[in-house]
Amino acid sequence: MQNILSNIKSNWKSGLTVSLVSIPLSVSLAVASGTSPTVGIITAVWAGLFASIFGGSNFNIVGPTGALSGILAAYAIMHGADMLPMLALVTGVFVLISYFFKLERYLVLIPGSTVHGFTLGVAFIIGLNQFNFATGITGLTPHPRFIENVMESFRHIPQGSLSTFMVFVVFLTALFFITKYLKKIPAVIALAPIGIGLGFLASKGMVPFVLQTLGQKFPTMSSAIIAVPKFSFDSSLIIAGITVAVVAILETMISAKIADVMTKTKHEKRKEMFGLGLANIASGLAGGIPATAALARTALNIKSKANNKMSATVSSISIALVSLLVLKYFAFIPLAVIAAILVFVAVRMIEVQHFKRMFEYNRRDFWLALLVAFVTIYEDPIVGILVGVAISLLFFVEKLSHGHFELIINSKDKKIVDRIIDDKVDEIRPDSHTVVYSIKGQLSYINMESHVERFENKLHGADTIIIRLRELYHMDMEGVEAFDEIIRTIKGMKKHVLITGVNPLIESVLETSHVYQDLKKHQLVFDRTRSALVHLGYN
């Protein structure tokens, strides 16, 4: 009990600070996700509370995030906002399934280029979705696809309000100004009350322009922290739930890892997965939306001197208490201010440095990231991730198919004259006497043809070929067949062949080869390459 009180004492200030930032952000991100502001508060309270109690990070703040809002908005358009709590519940179940089967280890199959491209696409979706709020356009016909809604908005630009747009520009500029020059003041906390005051004055006709407010957009907005959801199952929940779960796990693990770097601590990965699953289930049952760790709020938590997960617990409780008292005043906040906050969030999601680094060092990943962003924006965030993963895996398999090797070439006077470490080789020099060909990584159905083709077409110049298997860690049955074909090819060219350094990991598989057994019978298999060279007369 004393330890709990001590943690509350040292973390209540950071928890309160994070809660004051989380309230306007949760309201804004709920609107960006296609649902009501109250749902954002519900999510921040219950997902944040359960993640703080059961999670494995002392610093992660879980709640509504921009990373998920693009997927949720698309799902809400297609299936209705009242299905989002059920999606949160399904997401939590998939996260728990991933936890029990330790599926998080397969997240390596989702490369950074796909994650960055998806994030870029979602940032554009969040930003462009605010066009109507930022310009004061109302009454447009909604379409099932995001890009159709954007085009519909662009066609109605003449109907926009210049005064509304100027409010948007002023608040957006102020958000960036405060963030850059007044770093100790959270920009959202500073500007939200000003926005509420401006909206109140506009609603009373005390300013010379009209502003649409959050309360006008959502007249049923309340201070409740629980809303009884409508639960009904739809097959669309499966793919959407898996996708949201993958994104939620990725974002949460990345946030926790960055928090570890900032604090020089280490979170419990498995426990954090478990907490994330329960957080989403709790959010869904309370009427909230899917949630994940929010990096910006986590960073603020750390900068506010948090040292224990009690800070996140205090934050969730504070959000509930403050919302019950003041959420009704958020009804006066202009939609143009909400748009400014969300565009601010979207811009800060864009990882400029990552894209610069990809452009400089790996153009293929750069263009893949842009493709994922384009598909995310034009088609659907779920499709964007699937396209990115599929193409990345094809690139990876294509790279493996080259068959990596190391080639050491000795001349007739028994001196090393060339060394090649690559996945390509030209014709070797004609005075080559002995070559040592090391097969690296694996010999399987993926790359067997590349290795066989080299022996058939590129290694004609040598009299003797030593095949070194010390760095061969995996061989399937097709690999064994490829090995046999390589030996037959070498012998067919009337060359000598020796085998060295058979890795114990592949020895049992290789023993099934009659060709290998025959080489052992004729004492042409050596433990070390040096022994084989001595056998050939090298000093």
Protein backbone atom coordinates (compact mmCIF):
# COMPACT_ATOMS: atom_id res chain seq x y z
CA MET A 1 0.00 0.00 0.00
CA GLN A 2 2.86 2.34 0.88
CA ASN A 3 4.47 1.63 -2.48
CA ILE A 4 1.20 2.53 -4.30
CA LEU A 5 0.92 5.81 -2.40
CA SER A 6 4.55 6.60 -3.18
CA ASN A 7 3.96 5.98 -6.90
CA ILE A 8 0.85 8.18 -6.87
CA LYS A 9 2.79 10.94 -5.14
CA SER A 10 5.60 10.89 -7.71
CA ASN A 11 3.37 10.46 -10.78
CA TRP A 12 0.18 12.45 -10.25
CA LYS A 13 1.54 15.60 -11.91
CA SER A 14 2.64 13.77 -15.07
CA GLY A 15 -0.66 11.85 -15.15
CA LEU A 16 -2.69 15.05 -14.86
CA THR A 17 -0.60 16.77 -17.56
CA VAL A 18 -1.09 13.88 -19.99
CA SER A 19 -4.84 13.78 -19.27
CA LEU A 20 -5.24 17.47 -20.14
CA VAL A 21 -3.57 16.84 -23.50
CA SER A 22 -5.43 13.57 -24.06
CA ILE A 23 -8.93 15.05 -23.71
CA PRO A 24 -8.86 17.38 -26.76
CA LEU A 25 -6.82 14.85 -28.73
CA SER A 26 -9.20 11.99 -27.89
CA VAL A 27 -12.19 14.13 -28.88
CA SER A 28 -10.50 15.12 -32.15
CA LEU A 29 -9.29 11.63 -33.03
CA ALA A 30 -12.72 10.14 -32.35
CA VAL A 31 -14.17 12.63 -34.84
CA ALA A 32 -11.38 11.69 -37.29
CA SER A 33 -12.34 8.02 -36.82
CA GLY A 34 -15.90 8.75 -37.89
CA THR A 35 -17.57 8.55 -34.50
CA SER A 36 -18.71 10.93 -31.75
CA PRO A 37 -16.41 12.88 -29.38
CA THR A 38 -17.76 11.02 -26.33
CA VAL A 39 -16.49 7.72 -27.76
CA GLY A 40 -12.94 9.13 -27.83
CA ILE A 41 -13.13 9.95 -24.12
CA ILE A 42 -14.52 6.48 -23.34
CA THR A 43 -11.61 4.92 -25.22
CA ALA A 44 -9.00 7.05 -23.47
CA VAL A 45 -10.47 6.21 -20.05
CA TRP A 46 -10.97 2.46 -20.33
CA ALA A 47 -8.27 1.43 -22.79
CA GLY A 48 -5.78 3.64 -20.96
CA LEU A 49 -6.78 2.28 -17.55
CA PHE A 50 -6.60 -1.42 -18.46
CA ALA A 51 -3.33 -0.96 -20.39
CA SER A 52 -1.78 0.80 -17.38
CA ILE A 53 -2.85 -1.95 -14.97
CA PHE A 54 -2.04 -5.02 -17.06
CA GLY A 55 0.61 -3.70 -19.50
CA GLY A 56 4.36 -4.14 -19.35
CA SER A 57 5.57 -0.58 -20.02
CA ASN A 58 5.93 2.02 -17.30
CA PHE A 59 5.45 4.86 -19.79
CA ASN A 60 3.11 3.92 -22.67
CA ILE A 61 -0.11 5.93 -22.88
CA VAL A 62 -2.84 3.96 -24.68
CA GLY A 63 -5.87 5.56 -26.30
CA PRO A 64 -7.27 6.76 -29.63
CA THR A 65 -4.47 7.42 -32.14
CA GLY A 66 -3.95 8.80 -35.61
CA ALA A 67 -2.39 5.52 -36.75
CA LEU A 68 -5.76 3.77 -36.39
CA SER A 69 -8.10 6.62 -37.34
CA GLY A 70 -7.72 6.10 -41.10
CA ILE A 71 -8.73 2.45 -40.87
CA LEU A 72 -11.55 3.22 -38.44
CA ALA A 73 -12.92 6.07 -40.56
CA ALA A 74 -12.99 3.84 -43.65
CA TYR A 75 -14.70 1.07 -41.68
CA ALA A 76 -17.23 3.51 -40.17
CA ILE A 77 -18.16 4.80 -43.64
CA MET A 78 -18.74 1.28 -44.94
CA HIS A 79 -20.40 -0.33 -41.91
CA GLY A 80 -21.49 2.46 -39.56
CA ALA A 81 -19.84 4.11 -36.57
CA ASP A 82 -21.88 2.00 -34.15
CA MET A 83 -19.87 -1.05 -35.28
CA LEU A 84 -16.58 0.42 -33.99
CA PRO A 85 -17.02 -0.86 -30.38
CA MET A 86 -17.49 -4.37 -31.78
CA LEU A 87 -14.35 -3.84 -33.88
CA ALA A 88 -12.48 -2.87 -30.69
CA LEU A 89 -13.67 -6.07 -29.03
CA VAL A 90 -12.61 -8.22 -32.00
CA THR A 91 -9.27 -6.39 -32.16
CA GLY A 92 -8.65 -7.18 -28.49
CA VAL A 93 -9.43 -10.85 -29.09
CA PHE A 94 -6.95 -11.01 -31.99
CA VAL A 95 -4.28 -9.27 -29.89
CA LEU A 96 -4.81 -11.86 -27.13
CA ILE A 97 -4.63 -14.70 -29.69
CA SER A 98 -1.34 -13.20 -30.88
CA TYR A 99 -0.20 -13.06 -27.26
CA PHE A 100 -1.04 -16.69 -26.45
CA PHE A 101 0.56 -18.01 -29.66
CA LYS A 102 3.52 -15.57 -29.47
CA LEU A 103 2.68 -14.29 -32.95
CA GLU A 104 4.37 -10.95 -32.33
CA ARG A 105 7.64 -12.56 -33.45
CA TYR A 106 6.20 -12.65 -36.99
CA LEU A 107 5.84 -8.87 -37.06
CA VAL A 108 9.27 -8.87 -38.70
CA LEU A 109 7.37 -9.87 -41.86
CA ILE A 110 6.01 -6.31 -41.96
CA PRO A 111 9.02 -4.24 -43.06
CA GLY A 112 9.70 -0.65 -42.08
CA SER A 113 8.98 0.62 -45.59
CA THR A 114 5.39 -0.67 -45.38
CA VAL A 115 4.89 0.80 -41.89
CA HIS A 116 6.25 4.20 -42.97
CA GLY A 117 4.16 4.17 -46.14
CA PHE A 118 1.03 3.24 -44.21
CA THR A 119 1.70 6.00 -41.68
CA LEU A 120 2.18 8.52 -44.49
CA GLY A 121 -1.09 7.41 -46.11
CA VAL A 122 -2.99 7.63 -42.82
CA ALA A 123 -1.54 11.11 -42.21
CA PHE A 124 -2.92 12.25 -45.57
CA ILE A 125 -6.29 10.64 -44.81
CA ILE A 126 -6.51 12.45 -41.46
CA GLY A 127 -5.45 15.75 -43.01
CA LEU A 128 -7.68 15.62 -46.08
CA ASN A 129 -10.62 14.44 -43.98
CA GLN A 130 -10.55 17.82 -42.23
CA PHE A 131 -11.14 19.77 -45.45
CA ASN A 132 -14.84 20.33 -44.75
CA PHE A 133 -14.26 21.37 -41.13
CA ALA A 134 -11.42 23.70 -42.14
CA THR A 135 -13.44 25.44 -44.84
CA GLY A 136 -16.91 25.37 -43.29
CA ILE A 137 -18.45 23.24 -46.05
CA THR A 138 -21.56 21.36 -44.90
CA GLY A 139 -24.36 19.21 -46.27
CA LEU A 140 -22.31 17.10 -48.71
CA THR A 141 -23.43 13.64 -49.75
CA PRO A 142 -21.17 11.00 -48.11
CA HIS A 143 -19.57 8.35 -50.33
CA PRO A 144 -18.29 4.88 -49.35
CA ARG A 145 -14.72 5.63 -50.49
CA PHE A 146 -12.42 8.22 -48.96
CA ILE A 147 -11.10 9.56 -52.27
CA GLU A 148 -14.66 10.14 -53.54
CA ASN A 149 -15.41 12.23 -50.45
CA VAL A 150 -12.27 14.29 -51.02
CA MET A 151 -13.23 14.97 -54.65
CA GLU A 152 -16.76 15.88 -53.54
CA SER A 153 -15.29 18.41 -51.09
CA PHE A 154 -13.02 19.93 -53.73
CA ARG A 155 -15.99 20.39 -56.08
CA HIS A 156 -17.76 22.48 -53.41
CA ILE A 157 -14.89 24.81 -52.48
CA PRO A 158 -16.89 27.89 -53.60
CA GLN A 159 -19.38 27.10 -50.82
CA GLY A 160 -16.68 27.41 -48.17
CA SER A 161 -16.38 30.13 -45.55
CA LEU A 162 -13.29 32.36 -45.63
CA SER A 163 -13.66 33.28 -41.94
CA THR A 164 -13.79 29.59 -40.96
CA PHE A 165 -10.71 28.88 -43.03
CA MET A 166 -8.84 31.79 -41.44
CA VAL A 167 -9.65 30.44 -37.96
CA PHE A 168 -8.25 27.08 -39.08
CA VAL A 169 -5.04 28.67 -40.43
CA VAL A 170 -4.50 30.82 -37.33
CA PHE A 171 -4.91 27.91 -34.91
CA LEU A 172 -2.79 25.55 -37.02
CA THR A 173 -0.02 28.15 -37.21
CA ALA A 174 -0.26 28.73 -33.47
CA LEU A 175 0.04 24.98 -32.78
CA PHE A 176 3.30 24.77 -34.71
CA PHE A 177 4.59 28.04 -33.25
CA ILE A 178 4.00 26.97 -29.64
CA THR A 179 5.46 23.52 -30.30
CA LYS A 180 8.64 25.02 -31.76
CA TYR A 181 9.22 28.10 -29.61
CA LEU A 182 7.35 27.42 -26.34
CA LYS A 183 8.28 23.80 -25.86
CA LYS A 184 7.40 23.65 -22.17
CA ILE A 185 3.74 24.39 -22.93
CA PRO A 186 1.69 21.59 -24.57
CA ALA A 187 0.21 23.40 -27.59
CA VAL A 188 -3.13 21.58 -27.48
CA ILE A 189 -3.68 22.45 -23.80
CA ALA A 190 -2.91 26.11 -24.52
CA LEU A 191 -5.21 26.48 -27.53
CA ALA A 192 -8.20 24.28 -26.69
CA PRO A 193 -9.62 26.74 -24.09
CA ILE A 194 -9.11 29.62 -26.52
CA GLY A 195 -10.99 27.67 -29.19
CA ILE A 196 -13.82 26.92 -26.76
CA GLY A 197 -14.03 30.61 -25.86
CA LEU A 198 -14.10 31.64 -29.52
CA GLY A 199 -16.83 29.12 -30.27
CA PHE A 200 -18.88 30.36 -27.33
CA LEU A 201 -18.61 33.96 -28.54
CA ALA A 202 -19.57 32.89 -32.07
CA SER A 203 -22.61 30.97 -30.80
CA LYS A 204 -23.79 34.11 -28.96
CA GLY A 205 -23.28 36.32 -32.02
CA MET A 206 -20.53 38.30 -30.27
CA VAL A 207 -18.05 37.98 -33.15
CA PRO A 208 -18.68 39.09 -36.76
CA PHE A 209 -18.63 35.60 -38.27
CA VAL A 210 -20.30 32.19 -37.92
CA LEU A 211 -18.46 29.05 -36.81
CA GLN A 212 -19.84 25.53 -36.77
CA THR A 213 -19.09 23.92 -33.42
CA LEU A 214 -18.64 20.38 -32.17
CA GLY A 215 -21.98 20.58 -30.35
CA GLN A 216 -23.79 21.47 -33.58
CA LYS A 217 -22.14 18.55 -35.36
CA PHE A 218 -22.84 16.14 -32.48
CA PRO A 219 -25.95 17.42 -30.64
CA THR A 220 -26.16 14.23 -28.52
CA MET A 221 -22.63 14.69 -27.18
CA SER A 222 -22.54 13.91 -23.47
CA SER A 223 -20.09 13.57 -20.56
CA ALA A 224 -20.67 9.82 -20.18
CA ILE A 225 -17.69 7.52 -19.72
CA ILE A 226 -19.70 4.41 -20.63
CA ALA A 227 -22.04 4.00 -23.60
CA VAL A 228 -23.96 0.77 -24.10
CA PRO A 229 -22.73 -0.47 -27.49
CA LYS A 230 -24.66 -2.36 -30.12
CA PHE A 231 -23.01 -5.75 -30.56
CA SER A 232 -23.58 -7.61 -33.82
CA PHE A 233 -21.13 -9.75 -35.72
CA ASP A 234 -20.28 -9.16 -39.36
CA SER A 235 -17.73 -11.08 -41.45
CA SER A 236 -16.04 -7.77 -42.30
CA LEU A 237 -14.90 -7.61 -38.66
CA ILE A 238 -12.42 -10.44 -39.18
CA ILE A 239 -10.12 -8.81 -41.76
CA ALA A 240 -10.56 -5.37 -40.19
CA GLY A 241 -9.90 -6.75 -36.70
CA ILE A 242 -6.73 -8.54 -37.80
CA THR A 243 -5.45 -5.43 -39.56
CA VAL A 244 -6.21 -3.12 -36.64
CA ALA A 245 -4.62 -5.62 -34.24
CA VAL A 246 -1.42 -5.74 -36.32
CA VAL A 247 -1.20 -1.94 -36.47
CA ALA A 248 -2.01 -1.64 -32.75
CA ILE A 249 0.67 -4.16 -31.78
CA LEU A 250 3.24 -2.49 -34.04
CA GLU A 251 2.51 1.02 -32.75
CA THR A 252 2.48 -0.13 -29.12
CA MET A 253 5.76 -2.03 -29.39
CA ILE A 254 7.45 0.83 -31.26
CA SER A 255 6.23 3.34 -28.66
CA ALA A 256 7.41 1.13 -25.78
CA LYS A 257 10.80 0.64 -27.41
CA ILE A 258 11.28 4.38 -27.96
CA ALA A 259 10.22 4.99 -24.34
CA ASP A 260 12.89 2.49 -23.25
CA VAL A 261 15.52 4.43 -25.20
CA MET A 262 14.38 7.73 -23.68
CA THR A 263 14.38 6.40 -20.11
CA LYS A 264 17.14 3.75 -20.36
CA THR A 265 14.72 1.11 -19.07
CA LYS A 266 13.27 -2.08 -20.52
CA HIS A 267 9.59 -2.94 -20.84
CA GLU A 268 8.06 -6.43 -20.61
CA LYS A 269 7.05 -7.15 -24.20
CA ARG A 270 4.78 -10.11 -23.49
CA LYS A 271 2.99 -8.32 -20.67
CA GLU A 272 2.50 -5.23 -22.85
CA MET A 273 0.85 -7.42 -25.51
CA PHE A 274 -1.50 -8.88 -22.90
CA GLY A 275 -2.37 -5.43 -21.58
CA LEU A 276 -3.08 -4.13 -25.10
CA GLY A 277 -5.50 -7.00 -25.75
CA LEU A 278 -7.41 -6.37 -22.51
CA ALA A 279 -7.39 -2.61 -23.18
CA ASN A 280 -9.16 -3.04 -26.50
CA ILE A 281 -11.69 -5.49 -25.07
CA ALA A 282 -12.44 -3.08 -22.21
CA SER A 283 -12.79 -0.18 -24.66
CA GLY A 284 -15.21 -2.17 -26.84
CA LEU A 285 -17.34 -3.29 -23.89
CA ALA A 286 -17.57 0.30 -22.65
CA GLY A 287 -18.58 1.58 -26.10
CA GLY A 288 -15.16 2.83 -27.22
CA ILE A 289 -13.06 2.29 -30.34
CA PRO A 290 -9.82 0.34 -30.94
CA ALA A 291 -6.80 1.83 -29.19
CA THR A 292 -3.04 1.64 -29.27
CA ALA A 293 -0.10 3.37 -27.63
CA ALA A 294 0.29 7.01 -28.63
CA LEU A 295 3.94 7.98 -29.04
CA ALA A 296 3.43 11.74 -28.60
CA ARG A 297 1.48 11.29 -25.36
CA THR A 298 4.00 8.68 -24.17
CA ALA A 299 6.85 11.12 -24.83
CA LEU A 300 4.94 13.85 -22.94
CA ASN A 301 4.46 11.41 -20.06
CA ILE A 302 8.22 10.86 -19.88
CA LYS A 303 9.03 14.57 -20.20
CA SER A 304 6.56 15.26 -17.38
CA LYS A 305 8.79 13.17 -15.06
CA ALA A 306 6.72 9.98 -14.93
CA ASN A 307 8.63 7.03 -13.47
CA ASN A 308 5.94 4.38 -13.12
CA LYS A 309 2.82 3.12 -14.92
CA MET A 310 0.84 4.79 -12.14
CA SER A 311 1.13 7.95 -14.26
CA ALA A 312 -0.97 6.33 -17.00
CA THR A 313 -3.47 5.13 -14.39
CA VAL A 314 -3.78 8.64 -12.95
CA SER A 315 -4.13 10.00 -16.49
CA SER A 316 -7.08 7.71 -17.28
CA ILE A 317 -8.85 8.51 -14.02
CA SER A 318 -8.20 12.23 -14.52
CA ILE A 319 -9.63 12.08 -18.05
CA ALA A 320 -12.81 10.56 -16.61
CA LEU A 321 -13.14 13.14 -13.82
CA VAL A 322 -12.22 16.18 -15.92
CA SER A 323 -14.49 15.04 -18.76
CA LEU A 324 -17.46 14.63 -16.44
CA LEU A 325 -16.90 18.23 -15.32
CA VAL A 326 -15.89 20.09 -18.48
CA LEU A 327 -16.67 17.96 -21.56
CA LYS A 328 -19.95 19.82 -22.02
CA TYR A 329 -17.90 22.96 -22.70
CA PHE A 330 -16.13 21.18 -25.58
CA ALA A 331 -19.44 21.45 -27.42
CA PHE A 332 -18.41 25.07 -28.11
CA ILE A 333 -15.07 24.24 -29.72
CA PRO A 334 -15.24 25.16 -33.44
CA LEU A 335 -14.83 22.37 -35.98
CA ALA A 336 -12.15 24.54 -37.61
CA VAL A 337 -10.11 24.24 -34.41
CA ILE A 338 -10.69 20.47 -34.34
CA ALA A 339 -9.45 20.42 -37.96
CA ALA A 340 -6.34 22.39 -36.98
CA ILE A 341 -5.55 19.95 -34.15
CA LEU A 342 -5.97 16.94 -36.44
CA VAL A 343 -3.93 18.40 -39.29
CA PHE A 344 -1.26 19.20 -36.70
CA VAL A 345 -1.33 15.56 -35.56
CA ALA A 346 -1.21 14.36 -39.18
CA VAL A 347 1.80 16.49 -40.10
CA ARG A 348 3.70 15.29 -37.04
CA MET A 349 2.97 11.68 -38.05
CA ILE A 350 4.98 12.08 -41.27
CA GLU A 351 8.45 10.64 -40.70
CA VAL A 352 10.47 12.92 -42.96
CA GLN A 353 13.86 11.65 -41.79
CA HIS A 354 12.91 8.03 -42.53
CA PHE A 355 11.89 8.94 -46.07
CA LYS A 356 15.09 10.92 -46.63
CA ARG A 357 17.17 7.98 -45.45
CA MET A 358 15.26 5.53 -47.66
CA PHE A 359 15.65 7.82 -50.67
CA GLU A 360 19.40 8.08 -50.11
CA TYR A 361 20.18 4.46 -49.32
CA ASN A 362 17.36 2.25 -50.58
CA ARG A 363 15.29 3.68 -53.42
CA ARG A 364 13.27 0.49 -53.80
CA ASP A 365 11.99 0.76 -50.22
CA PHE A 366 11.31 4.47 -50.79
CA TRP A 367 9.11 3.83 -53.82
CA LEU A 368 7.41 0.90 -52.08
CA ALA A 369 6.54 3.17 -49.13
CA LEU A 370 5.03 5.72 -51.52
CA LEU A 371 3.06 2.95 -53.25
CA VAL A 372 1.69 1.76 -49.90
CA ALA A 373 0.75 5.37 -49.06
CA PHE A 374 -1.01 5.78 -52.42
CA VAL A 375 -2.99 2.53 -52.06
CA THR A 376 -3.85 3.45 -48.45
CA ILE A 377 -5.24 6.80 -49.60
CA TYR A 378 -6.84 5.80 -52.90
CA GLU A 379 -8.21 2.38 -52.01
CA ASP A 380 -8.17 1.43 -48.33
CA PRO A 381 -5.69 1.36 -45.39
CA ILE A 382 -6.15 -2.41 -44.99
CA VAL A 383 -5.40 -3.01 -48.66
CA GLY A 384 -2.37 -0.69 -48.37
CA ILE A 385 -0.82 -2.83 -45.63
CA LEU A 386 -1.55 -6.08 -47.47
CA VAL A 387 -0.04 -4.75 -50.71
CA GLY A 388 3.07 -3.56 -48.87
CA VAL A 389 3.60 -6.88 -47.08
CA ALA A 390 3.00 -8.93 -50.24
CA ILE A 391 5.43 -6.90 -52.38
CA SER A 392 8.04 -6.81 -49.60
CA LEU A 393 7.92 -10.58 -49.25
CA LEU A 394 8.29 -10.95 -53.02
CA PHE A 395 11.34 -8.66 -52.93
CA PHE A 396 12.76 -10.68 -50.05
CA VAL A 397 12.22 -14.03 -51.77
CA GLU A 398 13.65 -12.61 -55.00
CA LYS A 399 16.78 -11.57 -53.08
CA LEU A 400 17.09 -15.01 -51.47
CA SER A 401 16.66 -16.68 -54.85
CA HIS A 402 19.99 -15.26 -56.02
CA GLY A 403 21.80 -17.71 -53.73
CA HIS A 404 24.54 -15.98 -51.72
CA PHE A 405 28.05 -17.38 -51.77
CA GLU A 406 31.73 -16.65 -51.28
CA LEU A 407 34.26 -17.66 -53.92
CA ILE A 408 38.03 -17.92 -53.35
CA ILE A 409 40.08 -18.57 -56.49
CA ASN A 410 43.59 -20.06 -56.46
CA SER A 411 45.93 -20.00 -59.49
CA LYS A 412 48.03 -22.89 -60.78
CA ASP A 413 50.97 -21.75 -58.63
CA LYS A 414 48.63 -22.13 -55.65
CA LYS A 415 48.21 -18.48 -54.74
CA ILE A 416 44.91 -16.73 -54.04
CA VAL A 417 44.23 -14.53 -57.06
CA ASP A 418 40.63 -13.46 -56.49
CA ARG A 419 37.89 -13.37 -53.88
CA ILE A 420 34.19 -12.72 -54.59
CA ILE A 421 31.52 -12.18 -51.91
CA ASP A 422 28.22 -11.55 -53.68
CA ASP A 423 25.25 -13.18 -55.32
CA LYS A 424 26.70 -12.77 -58.84
CA VAL A 425 29.84 -13.99 -60.55
CA ASP A 426 31.26 -13.52 -64.05
CA GLU A 427 33.44 -16.07 -65.81
CA ILE A 428 36.46 -16.87 -63.62
CA ARG A 429 39.95 -16.36 -64.99
CA PRO A 430 41.27 -19.22 -67.18
CA ASP A 431 44.42 -19.85 -65.12
CA SER A 432 42.34 -20.80 -62.06
CA HIS A 433 43.37 -24.09 -60.51
CA THR A 434 41.25 -24.50 -57.37
CA VAL A 435 38.16 -22.58 -56.28
CA VAL A 436 36.53 -22.71 -52.86
CA TYR A 437 32.79 -22.12 -53.23
CA SER A 438 31.08 -21.40 -49.87
CA ILE A 439 27.29 -21.69 -49.92
CA LYS A 440 25.85 -19.17 -47.44
CA GLY A 441 22.58 -19.23 -45.54
CA GLN A 442 20.37 -21.82 -47.20
CA LEU A 443 20.14 -24.20 -50.12
CA SER A 444 16.47 -24.74 -50.87
CA TYR A 445 13.81 -24.61 -53.54
CA ILE A 446 14.04 -20.80 -53.47
CA ASN A 447 17.67 -20.45 -54.57
CA MET A 448 18.75 -23.88 -55.81
CA GLU A 449 18.55 -22.90 -59.49
CA SER A 450 20.92 -19.96 -59.00
CA HIS A 451 23.60 -22.17 -57.44
CA VAL A 452 23.20 -24.92 -60.04
CA GLU A 453 23.36 -22.39 -62.90
CA ARG A 454 26.68 -21.00 -61.61
CA PHE A 455 28.32 -24.40 -61.69
CA GLU A 456 26.94 -25.08 -65.16
CA ASN A 457 27.95 -21.77 -66.73
CA LYS A 458 30.43 -19.76 -64.62
CA LEU A 459 33.04 -22.07 -63.06
CA HIS A 460 34.54 -23.75 -66.14
CA GLY A 461 38.10 -22.46 -65.66
CA ALA A 462 39.05 -24.37 -62.50
CA ASP A 463 40.49 -27.89 -62.30
CA THR A 464 39.26 -28.57 -58.76
CA ILE A 465 36.22 -27.24 -56.91
CA ILE A 466 35.89 -27.31 -53.13
CA ILE A 467 32.32 -26.85 -51.89
CA ARG A 468 32.39 -25.40 -48.38
CA LEU A 469 29.23 -25.89 -46.30
CA ARG A 470 30.30 -24.32 -42.98
CA GLU A 471 27.92 -21.36 -43.41
CA LEU A 472 25.01 -23.35 -44.84
CA TYR A 473 22.39 -23.36 -42.07
CA HIS A 474 19.33 -24.75 -43.83
CA MET A 475 18.78 -27.36 -46.53
CA ASP A 476 15.48 -28.87 -47.62
CA MET A 477 14.99 -31.94 -49.83
CA GLU A 478 15.05 -29.81 -52.99
CA GLY A 479 18.37 -28.48 -51.71
CA VAL A 480 19.68 -32.03 -51.43
CA GLU A 481 18.62 -32.67 -55.03
CA ALA A 482 20.38 -29.45 -56.06
CA PHE A 483 23.53 -30.62 -54.24
CA ASP A 484 23.44 -33.91 -56.15
CA GLU A 485 22.96 -32.06 -59.44
CA ILE A 486 25.90 -29.74 -58.67
CA ILE A 487 28.21 -32.71 -57.98
CA ARG A 488 27.08 -34.47 -61.16
CA THR A 489 27.65 -31.26 -63.15
CA ILE A 490 31.19 -30.89 -61.79
CA LYS A 491 32.04 -34.50 -62.51
CA GLY A 492 30.48 -34.22 -65.96
CA MET A 493 33.03 -31.46 -66.72
CA LYS A 494 35.84 -33.87 -65.67
CA LYS A 495 36.76 -31.78 -62.64
CA HIS A 496 37.69 -32.86 -59.12
CA VAL A 497 35.29 -32.04 -56.29
CA LEU A 498 35.78 -32.01 -52.52
CA ILE A 499 33.33 -31.18 -49.73
CA THR A 500 34.39 -29.37 -46.54
CA GLY A 501 32.99 -28.02 -43.28
CA VAL A 502 29.58 -29.68 -43.32
CA ASN A 503 27.49 -27.71 -40.82
CA PRO A 504 25.95 -30.02 -38.16
CA LEU A 505 22.61 -28.28 -38.75
CA ILE A 506 22.33 -29.76 -42.24
CA GLU A 507 24.37 -32.97 -41.87
CA SER A 508 21.38 -35.22 -41.12
CA VAL A 509 19.56 -33.98 -44.25
CA LEU A 510 22.67 -34.28 -46.40
CA GLU A 511 23.19 -37.87 -45.23
CA THR A 512 20.11 -38.81 -47.29
CA SER A 513 22.10 -38.06 -50.46
CA HIS A 514 23.69 -41.10 -52.15
CA VAL A 515 26.04 -38.71 -53.96
CA TYR A 516 27.28 -37.34 -50.62
CA GLN A 517 27.64 -40.87 -49.23
CA ASP A 518 29.76 -41.79 -52.25
CA LEU A 519 32.04 -38.76 -51.71
CA LYS A 520 32.50 -39.79 -48.07
CA LYS A 521 33.29 -43.34 -49.18
CA HIS A 522 36.10 -42.01 -51.41
CA GLN A 523 37.37 -39.77 -48.55
CA LEU A 524 36.54 -36.54 -50.38
CA VAL A 525 34.69 -34.98 -47.43
CA PHE A 526 36.83 -32.97 -44.97
CA ASP A 527 36.07 -31.27 -41.66
CA ARG A 528 38.09 -28.20 -42.60
CA THR A 529 38.82 -26.46 -45.88
CA ARG A 530 42.48 -26.23 -44.84
CA SER A 531 42.66 -30.04 -44.67
CA ALA A 532 41.25 -30.30 -48.20
CA LEU A 533 43.83 -27.82 -49.50
CA VAL A 534 46.65 -29.79 -47.85
CA HIS A 535 45.26 -32.91 -49.50
CA LEU A 536 45.62 -31.08 -52.83
CA GLY A 537 49.23 -30.18 -52.09
CA TYR A 538 48.79 -26.61 -50.76
CA ASN A 539 51.16 -25.58 -47.97
